[in-house]
Protein backbone atom coordinates (compact mmCIF):
# COMPACT_ATOMS: atom_id res chain seq x y z
CA UNK A 1 18.27 -22.01 86.74
CA UNK A 2 17.71 -24.81 89.20
CA UNK A 3 16.18 -22.61 91.90
CA UNK A 4 13.76 -20.67 89.68
CA UNK A 5 12.38 -23.09 87.06
CA UNK A 6 8.70 -23.82 87.61
CA UNK A 7 9.04 -27.60 87.38
CA UNK A 8 12.28 -27.87 89.34
CA UNK A 9 12.08 -29.99 92.52
CA UNK A 10 14.44 -27.44 94.14
CA UNK A 11 12.41 -24.34 93.21
CA UNK A 12 12.65 -21.61 95.83
CA UNK A 13 11.09 -18.63 94.08
CA UNK A 14 10.73 -16.97 90.69
CA UNK A 15 13.61 -15.31 88.85
CA UNK A 16 12.39 -11.78 89.67
CA UNK A 17 12.12 -12.51 93.41
CA UNK A 18 15.57 -14.15 93.42
CA UNK A 19 17.03 -10.97 91.90
CA UNK A 20 15.30 -8.93 94.62
CA UNK A 21 16.67 -11.19 97.37
CA UNK A 22 20.18 -10.95 95.96
CA UNK A 23 19.92 -7.15 95.79
CA UNK A 24 18.61 -6.89 99.38
CA UNK A 25 21.44 -9.00 100.78
CA UNK A 26 24.19 -7.17 98.89
CA UNK A 27 26.96 -5.87 101.20
CA UNK A 28 25.32 -7.52 104.24
CA UNK A 29 25.39 -11.25 103.54
CA UNK A 30 27.48 -11.29 100.35
CA UNK A 31 29.43 -9.10 97.96
CA UNK A 32 30.16 -9.31 94.26
CA UNK A 33 33.58 -9.18 92.67
CA UNK A 34 34.44 -7.49 89.36
CA UNK A 35 33.32 -10.55 87.38
CA UNK A 36 29.94 -10.69 89.17
CA UNK A 37 30.55 -13.75 91.35
CA UNK A 38 29.00 -13.78 94.82
CA UNK A 39 31.30 -14.05 97.82
CA UNK A 40 29.50 -15.01 101.03
CA UNK A 41 30.58 -13.02 104.08
CA UNK A 42 31.51 -14.69 107.34
CA UNK A 43 29.35 -14.63 110.47
CA UNK A 44 31.43 -11.92 112.16
CA UNK A 45 31.14 -9.56 109.18
CA UNK A 46 27.40 -10.21 108.87
CA UNK A 47 26.94 -9.45 112.58
CA UNK A 48 28.94 -6.25 112.16
CA UNK A 49 26.84 -5.22 109.13
CA UNK A 50 23.66 -5.84 111.13
CA UNK A 51 24.92 -3.70 114.00
CA UNK A 52 25.41 -6.49 116.55
CA UNK A 53 28.12 -4.77 118.59
CA UNK A 54 29.19 -6.02 122.00
CA UNK A 55 26.67 -8.84 121.81
CA UNK A 56 27.87 -12.40 122.16
CA UNK A 57 26.79 -14.74 119.42
CA UNK A 58 27.40 -18.38 118.69
CA UNK A 59 28.44 -19.62 115.26
CA UNK A 60 27.55 -23.20 114.44
CA UNK A 61 29.33 -24.65 111.42
CA UNK A 62 28.00 -27.76 109.77
């Protein structure tokens, strides 16, 4: 995988840590479908999952 190979110029972390990160963000930042694909949640749903009620927030899209 591009993000976990030791000699990759785009390496972020090892495979085990990537699995941990994906597990920690499940149902907050993303969700999986029946096939196992990740679907990234929108800013409003992430804010709701983090408990940011009645707090204004700004979403900047690139």
